[in-house]
Amino acid sequence: MRLLPNPDILEAVKQKKPPGLMVVGWAAETHDLIENARSKLERKELDIIVANPVPQTFGSGRVQATLLFRDGTIVPLEPLSKVALANRLLDLVAEHLRRARRGRAST
């Protein structure tokens, strides 16, 4: 079997990111969850990264996640269904974008 490297999707998004767009990534980590996720957040120039411990969250209907934000904020979440996590993440992104727009409107 011949294996090929996967393209780096986050790198491609970063290269084409228009102003005002937020980029969210995921980090599935077997150890040093916060440190490895923070490193990926910075390396990939993400706005938010969702850090999941492996193998605890794989194959489960519930996800244990910690959100790391570019500004250094860390938000550990209680175990959630994948749908609930997606909704929470969308709410946080929407709130961040609303605050950013209000900030630009007041300048």
PDB file of N, CA and C in Angstrom:
ATOM      1  N   MET A   1       0.843  -1.159   0.000  1.00  0.00           N
ATOM      2  CA  MET A   1       0.000   0.000   0.000  1.00  0.00           C
ATOM      3  C   MET A   1       0.900   1.238   0.000  1.00  0.00           C
ATOM      4  N   ARG A   2       0.590   2.158  -0.875  1.00  0.00           N
ATOM      5  CA  ARG A   2       1.329   3.404  -0.947  1.00  0.00           C
ATOM      6  C   ARG A   2       0.529   4.506  -0.259  1.00  0.00           C
ATOM      7  N   LEU A   3       1.137   5.174   0.674  1.00  0.00           N
ATOM      8  CA  LEU A   3       0.466   6.241   1.414  1.00  0.00           C
ATOM      9  C   LEU A   3       0.907   7.598   0.885  1.00  0.00           C
ATOM     10  N   LEU A   4      -0.032   8.519   0.873  1.00  0.00           N
ATOM     11  CA  LEU A   4       0.241   9.881   0.447  1.00  0.00           C
ATOM     12  C   LEU A   4      -0.063  10.832   1.592  1.00  0.00           C
ATOM     13  N   PRO A   5       0.689  11.889   1.719  1.00  0.00           N
ATOM     14  CA  PRO A   5       0.396  12.850   2.794  1.00  0.00           C
ATOM     15  C   PRO A   5      -0.915  13.583   2.513  1.00  0.00           C
ATOM     16  N   ASN A   6      -1.652  13.863   3.588  1.00  0.00           N
ATOM     17  CA  ASN A   6      -2.862  14.669   3.472  1.00  0.00           C
ATOM     18  C   ASN A   6      -2.481  16.127   3.274  1.00  0.00           C
ATOM     19  N   PRO A   7      -3.274  16.861   2.517  1.00  0.00           N
ATOM     20  CA  PRO A   7      -3.010  18.300   2.421  1.00  0.00           C
ATOM     21  C   PRO A   7      -3.314  18.951   3.773  1.00  0.00           C
ATOM     22  N   ASP A   8      -2.633  20.028   4.082  1.00  0.00           N
ATOM     23  CA  ASP A   8      -2.858  20.767   5.312  1.00  0.00           C
ATOM     24  C   ASP A   8      -3.997  21.756   5.065  1.00  0.00           C
ATOM     25  N   ILE A   9      -5.190  21.354   5.433  1.00  0.00           N
ATOM     26  CA  ILE A   9      -6.388  22.159   5.148  1.00  0.00           C
ATOM     27  C   ILE A   9      -6.332  23.491   5.878  1.00  0.00           C
ATOM     28  N   LEU A  10      -5.919  23.478   7.149  1.00  0.00           N
ATOM     29  CA  LEU A  10      -5.849  24.743   7.890  1.00  0.00           C
ATOM     30  C   LEU A  10      -4.844  25.713   7.276  1.00  0.00           C
ATOM     31  N   GLU A  11      -3.747  25.192   6.775  1.00  0.00           N
ATOM     32  CA  GLU A  11      -2.760  26.045   6.108  1.00  0.00           C
ATOM     33  C   GLU A  11      -3.367  26.679   4.854  1.00  0.00           C
ATOM     34  N   ALA A  12      -4.121  25.899   4.101  1.00  0.00           N
ATOM     35  CA  ALA A  12      -4.770  26.417   2.892  1.00  0.00           C
ATOM     36  C   ALA A  12      -5.806  27.484   3.233  1.00  0.00           C
ATOM     37  N   VAL A  13      -6.569  27.263   4.309  1.00  0.00           N
ATOM     38  CA  VAL A  13      -7.571  28.251   4.730  1.00  0.00           C
ATOM     39  C   VAL A  13      -6.869  29.531   5.166  1.00  0.00           C
ATOM     40  N   LYS A  14      -5.799  29.385   5.941  1.00  0.00           N
ATOM     41  CA  LYS A  14      -5.046  30.549   6.421  1.00  0.00           C
ATOM     42  C   LYS A  14      -4.551  31.400   5.249  1.00  0.00           C
ATOM     43  N   GLN A  15      -4.079  30.755   4.199  1.00  0.00           N
ATOM     44  CA  GLN A  15      -3.545  31.474   3.040  1.00  0.00           C
ATOM     45  C   GLN A  15      -4.618  32.288   2.320  1.00  0.00           C
ATOM     46  N   LYS A  16      -5.884  31.839   2.400  1.00  0.00           N
ATOM     47  CA  LYS A  16      -6.962  32.504   1.660  1.00  0.00           C
ATOM     48  C   LYS A  16      -7.961  33.207   2.563  1.00  0.00           C
ATOM     49  N   LYS A  17      -7.632  33.345   3.833  1.00  0.00           N
ATOM     50  CA  LYS A  17      -8.558  33.902   4.815  1.00  0.00           C
ATOM     51  C   LYS A  17      -8.815  35.381   4.555  1.00  0.00           C
ATOM     52  N   PRO A  18     -10.070  35.728   4.231  1.00  0.00           N
ATOM     53  CA  PRO A  18     -10.393  37.149   4.063  1.00  0.00           C
ATOM     54  C   PRO A  18     -10.512  37.830   5.424  1.00  0.00           C
ATOM     55  N   PRO A  19     -10.345  39.133   5.476  1.00  0.00           N
ATOM     56  CA  PRO A  19     -10.482  39.860   6.748  1.00  0.00           C
ATOM     57  C   PRO A  19     -11.858  39.611   7.359  1.00  0.00           C
ATOM     58  N   GLY A  20     -11.894  39.465   8.668  1.00  0.00           N
ATOM     59  CA  GLY A  20     -13.161  39.281   9.368  1.00  0.00           C
ATOM     60  C   GLY A  20     -13.604  37.836   9.499  1.00  0.00           C
ATOM     61  N   LEU A  21     -12.947  36.926   8.822  1.00  0.00           N
ATOM     62  CA  LEU A  21     -13.297  35.508   8.911  1.00  0.00           C
ATOM     63  C   LEU A  21     -12.587  34.896  10.109  1.00  0.00           C
ATOM     64  N   MET A  22     -13.305  34.088  10.874  1.00  0.00           N
ATOM     65  CA  MET A  22     -12.695  33.366  11.987  1.00  0.00           C
ATOM     66  C   MET A  22     -12.391  31.953  11.527  1.00  0.00           C
ATOM     67  N   VAL A  23     -11.238  31.455  11.937  1.00  0.00           N
ATOM     68  CA  VAL A  23     -10.857  30.085  11.589  1.00  0.00           C
ATOM     69  C   VAL A  23     -10.763  29.277  12.884  1.00  0.00           C
ATOM     70  N   VAL A  24     -11.489  28.152  12.894  1.00  0.00           N
ATOM     71  CA  VAL A  24     -11.535  27.258  14.041  1.00  0.00           C
ATOM     72  C   VAL A  24     -10.909  25.935  13.634  1.00  0.00           C
ATOM     73  N   GLY A  25     -10.030  25.417  14.459  1.00  0.00           N
ATOM     74  CA  GLY A  25      -9.402  24.133  14.185  1.00  0.00           C
ATOM     75  C   GLY A  25      -9.637  23.165  15.331  1.00  0.00           C
ATOM     76  N   TRP A  26      -9.258  21.928  15.109  1.00  0.00           N
ATOM     77  CA  TRP A  26      -9.384  20.880  16.121  1.00  0.00           C
ATOM     78  C   TRP A  26      -8.021  20.290  16.404  1.00  0.00           C
ATOM     79  N   ALA A  27      -7.819  19.882  17.652  1.00  0.00           N
ATOM     80  CA  ALA A  27      -6.595  19.203  18.047  1.00  0.00           C
ATOM     81  C   ALA A  27      -6.989  17.981  18.868  1.00  0.00           C
ATOM     82  N   ALA A  28      -6.813  16.806  18.304  1.00  0.00           N
ATOM     83  CA  ALA A  28      -7.039  15.557  19.020  1.00  0.00           C
ATOM     84  C   ALA A  28      -5.677  15.114  19.542  1.00  0.00           C
ATOM     85  N   GLU A  29      -5.522  15.107  20.853  1.00  0.00           N
ATOM     86  CA  GLU A  29      -4.209  14.900  21.455  1.00  0.00           C
ATOM     87  C   GLU A  29      -4.214  13.734  22.435  1.00  0.00           C
ATOM     88  N   THR A  30      -3.135  12.976  22.420  1.00  0.00           N
ATOM     89  CA  THR A  30      -2.982  11.855  23.351  1.00  0.00           C
ATOM     90  C   THR A  30      -2.288  12.271  24.638  1.00  0.00           C
ATOM     91  N   HIS A  31      -1.584  13.397  24.627  1.00  0.00           N
ATOM     92  CA  HIS A  31      -0.900  13.884  25.832  1.00  0.00           C
ATOM     93  C   HIS A  31      -0.670  15.393  25.693  1.00  0.00           C
ATOM     94  N   ASP A  32      -0.430  16.031  26.821  1.00  0.00           N
ATOM     95  CA  ASP A  32      -0.163  17.476  26.848  1.00  0.00           C
ATOM     96  C   ASP A  32      -1.206  18.249  26.047  1.00  0.00           C
ATOM     97  N   LEU A  33      -2.470  17.995  26.364  1.00  0.00           N
ATOM     98  CA  LEU A  33      -3.601  18.532  25.600  1.00  0.00           C
ATOM     99  C   LEU A  33      -3.506  20.041  25.377  1.00  0.00           C
ATOM    100  N   ILE A  34      -3.395  20.801  26.460  1.00  0.00           N
ATOM    101  CA  ILE A  34      -3.438  22.265  26.340  1.00  0.00           C
ATOM    102  C   ILE A  34      -2.187  22.785  25.637  1.00  0.00           C
ATOM    103  N   GLU A  35      -1.026  22.272  25.998  1.00  0.00           N
ATOM    104  CA  GLU A  35       0.220  22.745  25.393  1.00  0.00           C
ATOM    105  C   GLU A  35       0.253  22.458  23.893  1.00  0.00           C
ATOM    106  N   ASN A  36      -0.126  21.242  23.508  1.00  0.00           N
ATOM    107  CA  ASN A  36      -0.117  20.890  22.081  1.00  0.00           C
ATOM    108  C   ASN A  36      -1.165  21.671  21.301  1.00  0.00           C
ATOM    109  N   ALA A  37      -2.339  21.852  21.899  1.00  0.00           N
ATOM    110  CA  ALA A  37      -3.387  22.618  21.219  1.00  0.00           C
ATOM    111  C   ALA A  37      -2.968  24.080  21.060  1.00  0.00           C
ATOM    112  N   ARG A  38      -2.377  24.662  22.117  1.00  0.00           N
ATOM    113  CA  ARG A  38      -1.917  26.053  22.032  1.00  0.00           C
ATOM    114  C   ARG A  38      -0.856  26.220  20.938  1.00  0.00           C
ATOM    115  N   SER A  39       0.038  25.258  20.852  1.00  0.00           N
ATOM    116  CA  SER A  39       1.073  25.300  19.816  1.00  0.00           C
ATOM    117  C   SER A  39       0.452  25.280  18.422  1.00  0.00           C
ATOM    118  N   LYS A  40      -0.528  24.421  18.224  1.00  0.00           N
ATOM    119  CA  LYS A  40      -1.195  24.345  16.917  1.00  0.00           C
ATOM    120  C   LYS A  40      -1.977  25.625  16.628  1.00  0.00           C
ATOM    121  N   LEU A  41      -2.639  26.170  17.644  1.00  0.00           N
ATOM    122  CA  LEU A  41      -3.375  27.431  17.509  1.00  0.00           C
ATOM    123  C   LEU A  41      -2.451  28.525  16.981  1.00  0.00           C
ATOM    124  N   GLU A  42      -1.273  28.621  17.573  1.00  0.00           N
ATOM    125  CA  GLU A  42      -0.316  29.659  17.167  1.00  0.00           C
ATOM    126  C   GLU A  42       0.300  29.366  15.806  1.00  0.00           C
ATOM    127  N   ARG A  43       0.720  28.120  15.593  1.00  0.00           N
ATOM    128  CA  ARG A  43       1.365  27.737  14.328  1.00  0.00           C
ATOM    129  C   ARG A  43       0.442  27.941  13.133  1.00  0.00           C
ATOM    130  N   LYS A  44      -0.817  27.589  13.304  1.00  0.00           N
ATOM    131  CA  LYS A  44      -1.785  27.668  12.203  1.00  0.00           C
ATOM    132  C   LYS A  44      -2.490  29.020  12.136  1.00  0.00           C
ATOM    133  N   GLU A  45      -2.176  29.908  13.115  1.00  0.00           N
ATOM    134  CA  GLU A  45      -2.784  31.240  13.182  1.00  0.00           C
ATOM    135  C   GLU A  45      -4.300  31.156  13.236  1.00  0.00           C
ATOM    136  N   LEU A  46      -4.807  30.295  14.131  1.00  0.00           N
ATOM    137  CA  LEU A  46      -6.241  30.096  14.300  1.00  0.00           C
ATOM    138  C   LEU A  46      -6.811  31.120  15.267  1.00  0.00           C
ATOM    139  N   ASP A  47      -8.115  31.280  15.223  1.00  0.00           N
ATOM    140  CA  ASP A  47      -8.800  32.127  16.191  1.00  0.00           C
ATOM    141  C   ASP A  47      -9.232  31.307  17.406  1.00  0.00           C
ATOM    142  N   ILE A  48      -9.665  30.071  17.154  1.00  0.00           N
ATOM    143  CA  ILE A  48     -10.089  29.156  18.213  1.00  0.00           C
ATOM    144  C   ILE A  48      -9.611  27.763  17.842  1.00  0.00           C
ATOM    145  N   ILE A  49      -9.243  26.987  18.862  1.00  0.00           N
ATOM    146  CA  ILE A  49      -8.971  25.580  18.627  1.00  0.00           C
ATOM    147  C   ILE A  49      -9.758  24.779  19.663  1.00  0.00           C
ATOM    148  N   VAL A  50     -10.347  23.691  19.206  1.00  0.00           N
ATOM    149  CA  VAL A  50     -11.092  22.780  20.062  1.00  0.00           C
ATOM    150  C   VAL A  50     -10.166  21.613  20.361  1.00  0.00           C
ATOM    151  N   ALA A  51      -9.784  21.477  21.629  1.00  0.00           N
ATOM    152  CA  ALA A  51      -8.852  20.428  22.029  1.00  0.00           C
ATOM    153  C   ALA A  51      -9.627  19.258  22.628  1.00  0.00           C
ATOM    154  N   ASN A  52      -9.400  18.073  22.074  1.00  0.00           N
ATOM    155  CA  ASN A  52     -10.053  16.854  22.547  1.00  0.00           C
ATOM    156  C   ASN A  52      -9.013  15.849  22.997  1.00  0.00           C
ATOM    157  N   PRO A  53      -9.200  15.262  24.186  1.00  0.00           N
ATOM    158  CA  PRO A  53      -8.285  14.198  24.599  1.00  0.00           C
ATOM    159  C   PRO A  53      -8.610  12.897  23.861  1.00  0.00           C
ATOM    160  N   VAL A  54      -7.569  12.221  23.421  1.00  0.00           N
ATOM    161  CA  VAL A  54      -7.719  10.935  22.739  1.00  0.00           C
ATOM    162  C   VAL A  54      -7.149   9.884  23.680  1.00  0.00           C
ATOM    163  N   PRO A  55      -7.723   8.745  23.831  1.00  0.00           N
ATOM    164  CA  PRO A  55      -8.832   8.153  23.077  1.00  0.00           C
ATOM    165  C   PRO A  55     -10.197   8.385  23.700  1.00  0.00           C
ATOM    166  N   GLN A  56     -10.285   9.165  24.797  1.00  0.00           N
ATOM    167  CA  GLN A  56     -11.540   9.316  25.519  1.00  0.00           C
ATOM    168  C   GLN A  56     -12.716   9.744  24.648  1.00  0.00           C
ATOM    169  N   THR A  57     -12.486  10.583  23.660  1.00  0.00           N
ATOM    170  CA  THR A  57     -13.607  11.139  22.896  1.00  0.00           C
ATOM    171  C   THR A  57     -13.870  10.414  21.574  1.00  0.00           C
ATOM    172  N   PHE A  58     -12.965   9.554  21.146  1.00  0.00           N
ATOM    173  CA  PHE A  58     -13.184   8.870  19.872  1.00  0.00           C
ATOM    174  C   PHE A  58     -14.194   7.745  20.044  1.00  0.00           C
ATOM    175  N   GLY A  59     -15.142   7.669  19.128  1.00  0.00           N
ATOM    176  CA  GLY A  59     -16.134   6.614  19.153  1.00  0.00           C
ATOM    177  C   GLY A  59     -17.233   6.829  20.169  1.00  0.00           C
ATOM    178  N   SER A  60     -17.259   7.972  20.801  1.00  0.00           N
ATOM    179  CA  SER A  60     -18.261   8.267  21.818  1.00  0.00           C
ATOM    180  C   SER A  60     -19.261   9.277  21.283  1.00  0.00           C
ATOM    181  N   GLY A  61     -20.456   9.219  21.801  1.00  0.00           N
ATOM    182  CA  GLY A  61     -21.470  10.204  21.427  1.00  0.00           C
ATOM    183  C   GLY A  61     -21.290  11.519  22.150  1.00  0.00           C
ATOM    184  N   ARG A  62     -20.447  11.512  23.194  1.00  0.00           N
ATOM    185  CA  ARG A  62     -20.184  12.726  23.958  1.00  0.00           C
ATOM    186  C   ARG A  62     -18.724  13.127  23.798  1.00  0.00           C
ATOM    187  N   VAL A  63     -18.495  14.418  23.810  1.00  0.00           N
ATOM    188  CA  VAL A  63     -17.155  14.956  23.589  1.00  0.00           C
ATOM    189  C   VAL A  63     -16.728  15.758  24.813  1.00  0.00           C
ATOM    190  N   GLN A  64     -15.525  15.497  25.273  1.00  0.00           N
ATOM    191  CA  GLN A  64     -14.919  16.328  26.310  1.00  0.00           C
ATOM    192  C   GLN A  64     -13.974  17.279  25.577  1.00  0.00           C
ATOM    193  N   ALA A  65     -14.258  18.559  25.619  1.00  0.00           N
ATOM    194  CA  ALA A  65     -13.460  19.511  24.846  1.00  0.00           C
ATOM    195  C   ALA A  65     -13.056  20.699  25.702  1.00  0.00           C
ATOM    196  N   THR A  66     -11.946  21.284  25.316  1.00  0.00           N
ATOM    197  CA  THR A  66     -11.484  22.545  25.893  1.00  0.00           C
ATOM    198  C   THR A  66     -11.251  23.492  24.728  1.00  0.00           C
ATOM    199  N   LEU A  67     -11.801  24.689  24.827  1.00  0.00           N
ATOM    200  CA  LEU A  67     -11.635  25.694  23.782  1.00  0.00           C
ATOM    201  C   LEU A  67     -10.506  26.632  24.169  1.00  0.00           C
ATOM    202  N   LEU A  68      -9.610  26.867  23.226  1.00  0.00           N
ATOM    203  CA  LEU A  68      -8.526  27.828  23.416  1.00  0.00           C
ATOM    204  C   LEU A  68      -8.705  28.923  22.380  1.00  0.00           C
ATOM    205  N   PHE A  69      -8.612  30.160  22.835  1.00  0.00           N
ATOM    206  CA  PHE A  69      -8.798  31.320  21.975  1.00  0.00           C
ATOM    207  C   PHE A  69      -7.466  32.011  21.744  1.00  0.00           C
ATOM    208  N   ARG A  70      -7.387  32.706  20.650  1.00  0.00           N
ATOM    209  CA  ARG A  70      -6.164  33.421  20.278  1.00  0.00           C
ATOM    210  C   ARG A  70      -5.700  34.387  21.360  1.00  0.00           C
ATOM    211  N   ASP A  71      -6.667  34.992  22.079  1.00  0.00           N
ATOM    212  CA  ASP A  71      -6.306  35.970  23.117  1.00  0.00           C
ATOM    213  C   ASP A  71      -5.817  35.325  24.415  1.00  0.00           C
ATOM    214  N   GLY A  72      -5.709  33.984  24.444  1.00  0.00           N
ATOM    215  CA  GLY A  72      -5.216  33.281  25.618  1.00  0.00           C
ATOM    216  C   GLY A  72      -6.303  32.703  26.507  1.00  0.00           C
ATOM    217  N   THR A  73      -7.550  33.033  26.238  1.00  0.00           N
ATOM    218  CA  THR A  73      -8.662  32.499  27.017  1.00  0.00           C
ATOM    219  C   THR A  73      -8.761  30.990  26.814  1.00  0.00           C
ATOM    220  N   ILE A  74      -8.981  30.274  27.914  1.00  0.00           N
ATOM    221  CA  ILE A  74      -9.175  28.824  27.871  1.00  0.00           C
ATOM    222  C   ILE A  74     -10.518  28.527  28.519  1.00  0.00           C
ATOM    223  N   VAL A  75     -11.373  27.794  27.792  1.00  0.00           N
ATOM    224  CA  VAL A  75     -12.707  27.462  28.291  1.00  0.00           C
ATOM    225  C   VAL A  75     -12.883  25.953  28.285  1.00  0.00           C
ATOM    226  N   PRO A  76     -12.736  25.303  29.466  1.00  0.00           N
ATOM    227  CA  PRO A  76     -13.017  23.870  29.522  1.00  0.00           C
ATOM    228  C   PRO A  76     -14.530  23.669  29.520  1.00  0.00           C
ATOM    229  N   LEU A  77     -15.000  22.753  28.718  1.00  0.00           N
ATOM    230  CA  LEU A  77     -16.436  22.475  28.629  1.00  0.00           C
ATOM    231  C   LEU A  77     -16.762  21.158  29.311  1.00  0.00           C
ATOM    232  N   GLU A  78     -17.977  21.091  29.826  1.00  0.00           N
ATOM    233  CA  GLU A  78     -18.459  19.840  30.374  1.00  0.00           C
ATOM    234  C   GLU A  78     -18.667  18.867  29.209  1.00  0.00           C
ATOM    235  N   PRO A  79     -18.699  17.557  29.460  1.00  0.00           N
ATOM    236  CA  PRO A  79     -18.958  16.625  28.350  1.00  0.00           C
ATOM    237  C   PRO A  79     -20.287  16.962  27.665  1.00  0.00           C
ATOM    238  N   LEU A  80     -20.235  17.046  26.347  1.00  0.00           N
ATOM    239  CA  LEU A  80     -21.395  17.433  25.537  1.00  0.00           C
ATOM    240  C   LEU A  80     -21.575  16.456  24.388  1.00  0.00           C
ATOM    241  N   SER A  81     -22.785  16.419  23.860  1.00  0.00           N
ATOM    242  CA  SER A  81     -22.970  15.703  22.600  1.00  0.00           C
ATOM    243  C   SER A  81     -22.248  16.500  21.515  1.00  0.00           C
ATOM    244  N   LYS A  82     -21.958  15.867  20.407  1.00  0.00           N
ATOM    245  CA  LYS A  82     -21.266  16.560  19.313  1.00  0.00           C
ATOM    246  C   LYS A  82     -22.109  17.704  18.768  1.00  0.00           C
ATOM    247  N   VAL A  83     -23.423  17.514  18.734  1.00  0.00           N
ATOM    248  CA  VAL A  83     -24.319  18.579  18.262  1.00  0.00           C
ATOM    249  C   VAL A  83     -24.300  19.751  19.239  1.00  0.00           C
ATOM    250  N   ALA A  84     -24.340  19.460  20.541  1.00  0.00           N
ATOM    251  CA  ALA A  84     -24.312  20.530  21.536  1.00  0.00           C
ATOM    252  C   ALA A  84     -22.984  21.286  21.486  1.00  0.00           C
ATOM    253  N   LEU A  85     -21.881  20.570  21.274  1.00  0.00           N
ATOM    254  CA  LEU A  85     -20.583  21.227  21.138  1.00  0.00           C
ATOM    255  C   LEU A  85     -20.574  22.145  19.920  1.00  0.00           C
ATOM    256  N   ALA A  86     -21.088  21.665  18.806  1.00  0.00           N
ATOM    257  CA  ALA A  86     -21.143  22.489  17.591  1.00  0.00           C
ATOM    258  C   ALA A  86     -21.982  23.749  17.835  1.00  0.00           C
ATOM    259  N   ASN A  87     -23.115  23.604  18.507  1.00  0.00           N
ATOM    260  CA  ASN A  87     -23.958  24.766  18.797  1.00  0.00           C
ATOM    261  C   ASN A  87     -23.259  25.749  19.720  1.00  0.00           C
ATOM    262  N   ARG A  88     -22.581  25.247  20.750  1.00  0.00           N
ATOM    263  CA  ARG A  88     -21.851  26.115  21.681  1.00  0.00           C
ATOM    264  C   ARG A  88     -20.761  26.875  20.934  1.00  0.00           C
ATOM    265  N   LEU A  89     -20.059  26.178  20.066  1.00  0.00           N
ATOM    266  CA  LEU A  89     -18.983  26.801  19.302  1.00  0.00           C
ATOM    267  C   LEU A  89     -19.531  27.882  18.366  1.00  0.00           C
ATOM    268  N   LEU A  90     -20.620  27.591  17.698  1.00  0.00           N
ATOM    269  CA  LEU A  90     -21.233  28.597  16.815  1.00  0.00           C
ATOM    270  C   LEU A  90     -21.692  29.820  17.604  1.00  0.00           C
ATOM    271  N   ASP A  91     -22.253  29.603  18.784  1.00  0.00           N
ATOM    272  CA  ASP A  91     -22.667  30.737  19.621  1.00  0.00           C
ATOM    273  C   ASP A  91     -21.465  31.601  20.001  1.00  0.00           C
ATOM    274  N   LEU A  92     -20.361  30.960  20.379  1.00  0.00           N
ATOM    275  CA  LEU A  92     -19.153  31.709  20.761  1.00  0.00           C
ATOM    276  C   LEU A  92     -18.577  32.483  19.578  1.00  0.00           C
ATOM    277  N   VAL A  93     -18.549  31.882  18.421  1.00  0.00           N
ATOM    278  CA  VAL A  93     -18.047  32.564  17.221  1.00  0.00           C
ATOM    279  C   VAL A  93     -18.952  33.748  16.881  1.00  0.00           C
ATOM    280  N   ALA A  94     -20.263  33.541  16.934  1.00  0.00           N
ATOM    281  CA  ALA A  94     -21.209  34.627  16.624  1.00  0.00           C
ATOM    282  C   ALA A  94     -21.027  35.786  17.596  1.00  0.00           C
ATOM    283  N   GLU A  95     -20.866  35.488  18.876  1.00  0.00           N
ATOM    284  CA  GLU A  95     -20.664  36.544  19.873  1.00  0.00           C
ATOM    285  C   GLU A  95     -19.355  37.292  19.624  1.00  0.00           C
ATOM    286  N   HIS A  96     -18.306  36.566  19.317  1.00  0.00           N
ATOM    287  CA  HIS A  96     -17.015  37.194  19.021  1.00  0.00           C
ATOM    288  C   HIS A  96     -17.143  38.135  17.812  1.00  0.00           C
ATOM    289  N   LEU A  97     -17.804  37.681  16.769  1.00  0.00           N
ATOM    290  CA  LEU A  97     -17.967  38.508  15.568  1.00  0.00           C
ATOM    291  C   LEU A  97     -18.828  39.736  15.852  1.00  0.00           C
ATOM    292  N   ARG A  98     -19.873  39.581  16.686  1.00  0.00           N
ATOM    293  CA  ARG A  98     -20.699  40.746  17.055  1.00  0.00           C
ATOM    294  C   ARG A  98     -19.858  41.787  17.798  1.00  0.00           C
ATOM    295  N   ARG A  99     -19.038  41.321  18.763  1.00  0.00           N
ATOM    296  CA  ARG A  99     -18.183  42.255  19.514  1.00  0.00           C
ATOM    297  C   ARG A  99     -17.197  42.956  18.585  1.00  0.00           C
ATOM    298  N   ALA A 100     -16.622  42.203  17.659  1.00  0.00           N
ATOM    299  CA  ALA A 100     -15.655  42.791  16.717  1.00  0.00           C
ATOM    300  C   ALA A 100     -16.328  43.853  15.846  1.00  0.00           C
ATOM    301  N   ARG A 101     -17.523  43.578  15.391  1.00  0.00           N
ATOM    302  CA  ARG A 101     -18.239  44.550  14.554  1.00  0.00           C
ATOM    303  C   ARG A 101     -18.585  45.804  15.337  1.00  0.00           C
ATOM    304  N   ARG A 102     -19.015  45.608  16.588  1.00  0.00           N
ATOM    305  CA  ARG A 102     -19.334  46.786  17.444  1.00  0.00           C
ATOM    306  C   ARG A 102     -18.072  47.622  17.653  1.00  0.00           C
ATOM    307  N   GLY A 103     -16.940  46.966  17.844  1.00  0.00           N
ATOM    308  CA  GLY A 103     -15.674  47.669  18.034  1.00  0.00           C
ATOM    309  C   GLY A 103     -15.286  48.472  16.811  1.00  0.00           C
ATOM    310  N   ARG A 104     -15.494  47.895  15.625  1.00  0.00           N
ATOM    311  CA  ARG A 104     -15.165  48.618  14.386  1.00  0.00           C
ATOM    312  C   ARG A 104     -16.123  49.756  14.139  1.00  0.00           C
ATOM    313  N   ALA A 105     -17.405  49.588  14.522  1.00  0.00           N
ATOM    314  CA  ALA A 105     -18.409  50.629  14.308  1.00  0.00           C
ATOM    315  C   ALA A 105     -18.157  51.835  15.205  1.00  0.00           C
ATOM    316  N   SER A 106     -17.544  51.622  16.362  1.00  0.00           N
ATOM    317  CA  SER A 106     -17.326  52.730  17.292  1.00  0.00           C
ATOM    318  C   SER A 106     -16.042  53.489  17.009  1.00  0.00           C
ATOM    319  N   THR A 107     -15.247  53.040  16.046  1.00  0.00           N
ATOM    320  CA  THR A 107     -13.996  53.756  15.742  1.00  0.00           C
ATOM    321  C   THR A 107     -14.154  54.691  14.585  1.00  0.00           C
TER     322      THR A 107
END
